[in-house]
Amino acid sequence: MSESLGGGVVYTETVVHSAPEALVAEAPYQIAIVWLDNGGRLTGRIAGEAVKIGDRVEHAEWRGGVAFFRKAS
């Protein structure tokens, strides 16, 4: 996927400490459900600075079919 999702607002978030086997080396990592500006919601990973509910985020990239978001500046 190469399409950008634009921005949105964090609806909810959590930090994964006990990851599935394929992602153990990346733990802990943050995931969030993002309420996209276009009206949908999407679960994605957070890259960089941690986010909290209500924070604005922007789509950073796709990795292995997973959307990564970062805190909007």
N, C-alpha and C. Protein backbone atom coordinates (compact mmCIF):
# COMPACT_ATOMS: atom_id res chain seq x y z
N MET A 1 0.84 -1.18 0.00
CA MET A 1 0.00 0.00 0.00
C MET A 1 0.88 1.24 0.00
N SER A 2 0.52 2.19 -0.80
CA SER A 2 1.30 3.41 -0.85
C SER A 2 0.44 4.63 -0.57
N GLU A 3 -0.85 4.46 -0.45
CA GLU A 3 -1.77 5.56 -0.25
C GLU A 3 -1.60 6.18 1.13
N SER A 4 -1.54 7.51 1.18
CA SER A 4 -1.46 8.20 2.46
C SER A 4 -2.85 8.33 3.06
N LEU A 5 -2.94 8.16 4.35
CA LEU A 5 -4.22 8.23 5.04
C LEU A 5 -4.52 9.62 5.57
N GLY A 6 -3.57 10.54 5.45
CA GLY A 6 -3.76 11.88 5.98
C GLY A 6 -3.60 11.90 7.48
N GLY A 7 -4.43 12.70 8.14
CA GLY A 7 -4.32 12.85 9.58
C GLY A 7 -5.56 12.39 10.31
N GLY A 8 -5.51 12.53 11.63
CA GLY A 8 -6.64 12.15 12.45
C GLY A 8 -6.37 12.42 13.91
N VAL A 9 -7.23 11.89 14.75
CA VAL A 9 -7.15 12.09 16.20
C VAL A 9 -7.14 10.71 16.87
N VAL A 10 -6.31 10.57 17.89
CA VAL A 10 -6.23 9.31 18.63
C VAL A 10 -7.53 9.10 19.41
N TYR A 11 -8.22 8.01 19.10
CA TYR A 11 -9.47 7.64 19.77
C TYR A 11 -9.16 6.88 21.06
N THR A 12 -8.20 5.95 20.98
CA THR A 12 -7.72 5.22 22.14
C THR A 12 -6.34 4.67 21.82
N GLU A 13 -5.58 4.30 22.85
CA GLU A 13 -4.22 3.81 22.64
C GLU A 13 -3.83 2.85 23.73
N THR A 14 -2.80 2.06 23.46
CA THR A 14 -2.24 1.17 24.46
C THR A 14 -0.79 0.85 24.10
N VAL A 15 -0.04 0.41 25.08
CA VAL A 15 1.34 -0.01 24.84
C VAL A 15 1.39 -1.53 24.98
N VAL A 16 1.94 -2.18 23.98
CA VAL A 16 2.06 -3.64 23.97
C VAL A 16 3.40 -4.01 24.59
N HIS A 17 3.35 -4.75 25.69
CA HIS A 17 4.56 -5.21 26.36
C HIS A 17 4.81 -6.69 26.09
N SER A 18 3.73 -7.44 25.96
CA SER A 18 3.82 -8.88 25.70
C SER A 18 3.36 -9.11 24.26
N ALA A 19 4.31 -9.02 23.35
CA ALA A 19 4.01 -9.04 21.92
C ALA A 19 3.94 -10.46 21.38
N PRO A 20 3.24 -10.64 20.23
CA PRO A 20 3.28 -11.94 19.57
C PRO A 20 4.72 -12.26 19.14
N GLU A 21 5.00 -13.52 18.94
CA GLU A 21 6.36 -13.98 18.65
C GLU A 21 7.04 -13.18 17.54
N ALA A 22 6.32 -12.85 16.49
CA ALA A 22 6.92 -12.14 15.35
C ALA A 22 7.35 -10.71 15.69
N LEU A 23 6.82 -10.15 16.79
CA LEU A 23 7.10 -8.76 17.14
C LEU A 23 7.80 -8.60 18.49
N VAL A 24 8.25 -9.69 19.08
CA VAL A 24 8.87 -9.63 20.41
C VAL A 24 10.04 -8.66 20.44
N ALA A 25 10.85 -8.63 19.40
CA ALA A 25 12.03 -7.76 19.37
C ALA A 25 11.65 -6.28 19.35
N GLU A 26 10.41 -5.95 18.96
CA GLU A 26 9.99 -4.54 18.88
C GLU A 26 9.28 -4.06 20.15
N ALA A 27 8.95 -4.96 21.07
CA ALA A 27 8.23 -4.59 22.28
C ALA A 27 9.14 -3.84 23.24
N PRO A 28 8.62 -2.91 24.00
CA PRO A 28 7.24 -2.44 23.97
C PRO A 28 7.03 -1.46 22.81
N TYR A 29 5.80 -1.46 22.28
CA TYR A 29 5.44 -0.51 21.22
C TYR A 29 4.00 -0.08 21.43
N GLN A 30 3.68 1.08 20.88
CA GLN A 30 2.36 1.67 21.07
C GLN A 30 1.50 1.44 19.84
N ILE A 31 0.24 1.09 20.08
CA ILE A 31 -0.74 1.03 19.01
C ILE A 31 -1.89 1.96 19.37
N ALA A 32 -2.63 2.40 18.36
CA ALA A 32 -3.75 3.31 18.61
C ALA A 32 -4.83 3.09 17.58
N ILE A 33 -6.05 3.38 17.99
CA ILE A 33 -7.14 3.49 17.03
C ILE A 33 -7.24 4.98 16.72
N VAL A 34 -7.14 5.29 15.44
CA VAL A 34 -7.14 6.69 14.99
C VAL A 34 -8.45 6.98 14.27
N TRP A 35 -9.11 8.05 14.70
CA TRP A 35 -10.31 8.52 14.02
C TRP A 35 -9.80 9.43 12.90
N LEU A 36 -9.85 8.92 11.67
CA LEU A 36 -9.29 9.63 10.53
C LEU A 36 -10.14 10.83 10.16
N ASP A 37 -9.49 11.86 9.61
CA ASP A 37 -10.21 13.05 9.19
C ASP A 37 -11.26 12.75 8.13
N ASN A 38 -11.07 11.66 7.37
CA ASN A 38 -12.04 11.30 6.34
C ASN A 38 -13.23 10.53 6.89
N GLY A 39 -13.28 10.32 8.21
CA GLY A 39 -14.44 9.72 8.83
C GLY A 39 -14.29 8.30 9.30
N GLY A 40 -13.30 7.55 8.84
CA GLY A 40 -13.13 6.17 9.27
C GLY A 40 -12.24 6.07 10.50
N ARG A 41 -12.18 4.87 11.05
CA ARG A 41 -11.25 4.57 12.15
C ARG A 41 -10.32 3.47 11.69
N LEU A 42 -9.07 3.54 12.14
CA LEU A 42 -8.08 2.54 11.74
C LEU A 42 -7.14 2.29 12.90
N THR A 43 -6.82 1.03 13.14
CA THR A 43 -5.82 0.67 14.14
C THR A 43 -4.45 0.69 13.48
N GLY A 44 -3.50 1.35 14.10
CA GLY A 44 -2.15 1.43 13.56
C GLY A 44 -1.12 1.53 14.66
N ARG A 45 0.12 1.47 14.26
CA ARG A 45 1.24 1.61 15.19
C ARG A 45 1.64 3.08 15.28
N ILE A 46 2.25 3.44 16.40
CA ILE A 46 2.75 4.80 16.60
C ILE A 46 4.26 4.78 16.46
N ALA A 47 4.77 5.66 15.62
CA ALA A 47 6.21 5.80 15.40
C ALA A 47 6.67 7.05 16.14
N GLY A 48 7.79 6.95 16.83
CA GLY A 48 8.35 8.13 17.51
C GLY A 48 7.68 8.40 18.83
N GLU A 49 7.45 9.68 19.10
CA GLU A 49 6.93 10.13 20.39
C GLU A 49 5.58 9.48 20.71
N ALA A 50 5.41 9.10 21.97
CA ALA A 50 4.15 8.49 22.42
C ALA A 50 3.00 9.49 22.28
N VAL A 51 1.80 8.95 22.07
CA VAL A 51 0.61 9.78 21.93
C VAL A 51 -0.37 9.44 23.05
N LYS A 52 -1.35 10.32 23.24
CA LYS A 52 -2.41 10.07 24.20
C LYS A 52 -3.75 10.36 23.52
N ILE A 53 -4.82 9.91 24.15
CA ILE A 53 -6.16 10.13 23.60
C ILE A 53 -6.36 11.61 23.33
N GLY A 54 -6.86 11.93 22.14
CA GLY A 54 -7.13 13.31 21.75
C GLY A 54 -6.01 13.97 20.97
N ASP A 55 -4.82 13.36 20.94
CA ASP A 55 -3.70 13.94 20.18
C ASP A 55 -3.95 13.85 18.68
N ARG A 56 -3.50 14.86 17.96
CA ARG A 56 -3.52 14.83 16.49
C ARG A 56 -2.33 14.01 16.02
N VAL A 57 -2.57 13.16 15.02
CA VAL A 57 -1.52 12.36 14.41
C VAL A 57 -1.61 12.48 12.90
N GLU A 58 -0.52 12.11 12.25
CA GLU A 58 -0.50 12.08 10.78
C GLU A 58 0.07 10.74 10.34
N HIS A 59 -0.43 10.28 9.22
CA HIS A 59 0.05 9.01 8.68
C HIS A 59 1.50 9.20 8.25
N ALA A 60 2.38 8.33 8.72
CA ALA A 60 3.81 8.42 8.41
C ALA A 60 4.19 7.51 7.26
N GLU A 61 3.73 6.24 7.31
CA GLU A 61 4.12 5.27 6.30
C GLU A 61 3.36 3.98 6.49
N TRP A 62 3.49 3.11 5.50
CA TRP A 62 3.02 1.73 5.59
C TRP A 62 4.24 0.84 5.74
N ARG A 63 4.19 -0.11 6.67
CA ARG A 63 5.25 -1.12 6.83
C ARG A 63 4.59 -2.48 6.91
N GLY A 64 4.86 -3.31 5.91
CA GLY A 64 4.30 -4.66 5.93
C GLY A 64 2.78 -4.66 6.00
N GLY A 65 2.13 -3.69 5.37
CA GLY A 65 0.68 -3.61 5.39
C GLY A 65 0.09 -2.98 6.63
N VAL A 66 0.95 -2.48 7.53
CA VAL A 66 0.49 -1.85 8.77
C VAL A 66 0.71 -0.34 8.67
N ALA A 67 -0.33 0.42 9.01
CA ALA A 67 -0.22 1.89 9.00
C ALA A 67 0.54 2.34 10.24
N PHE A 68 1.51 3.23 10.03
CA PHE A 68 2.25 3.86 11.13
C PHE A 68 1.89 5.35 11.15
N PHE A 69 1.60 5.84 12.34
CA PHE A 69 1.27 7.25 12.54
C PHE A 69 2.30 7.88 13.44
N ARG A 70 2.45 9.20 13.34
CA ARG A 70 3.31 9.94 14.25
C ARG A 70 2.55 11.15 14.75
N LYS A 71 2.94 11.62 15.93
CA LYS A 71 2.30 12.80 16.52
C LYS A 71 2.48 13.98 15.58
N ALA A 72 1.40 14.68 15.32
CA ALA A 72 1.45 15.85 14.42
C ALA A 72 2.20 16.98 15.09
N SER A 73 2.95 17.70 14.28
CA SER A 73 3.73 18.83 14.83
C SER A 73 2.96 20.12 14.80
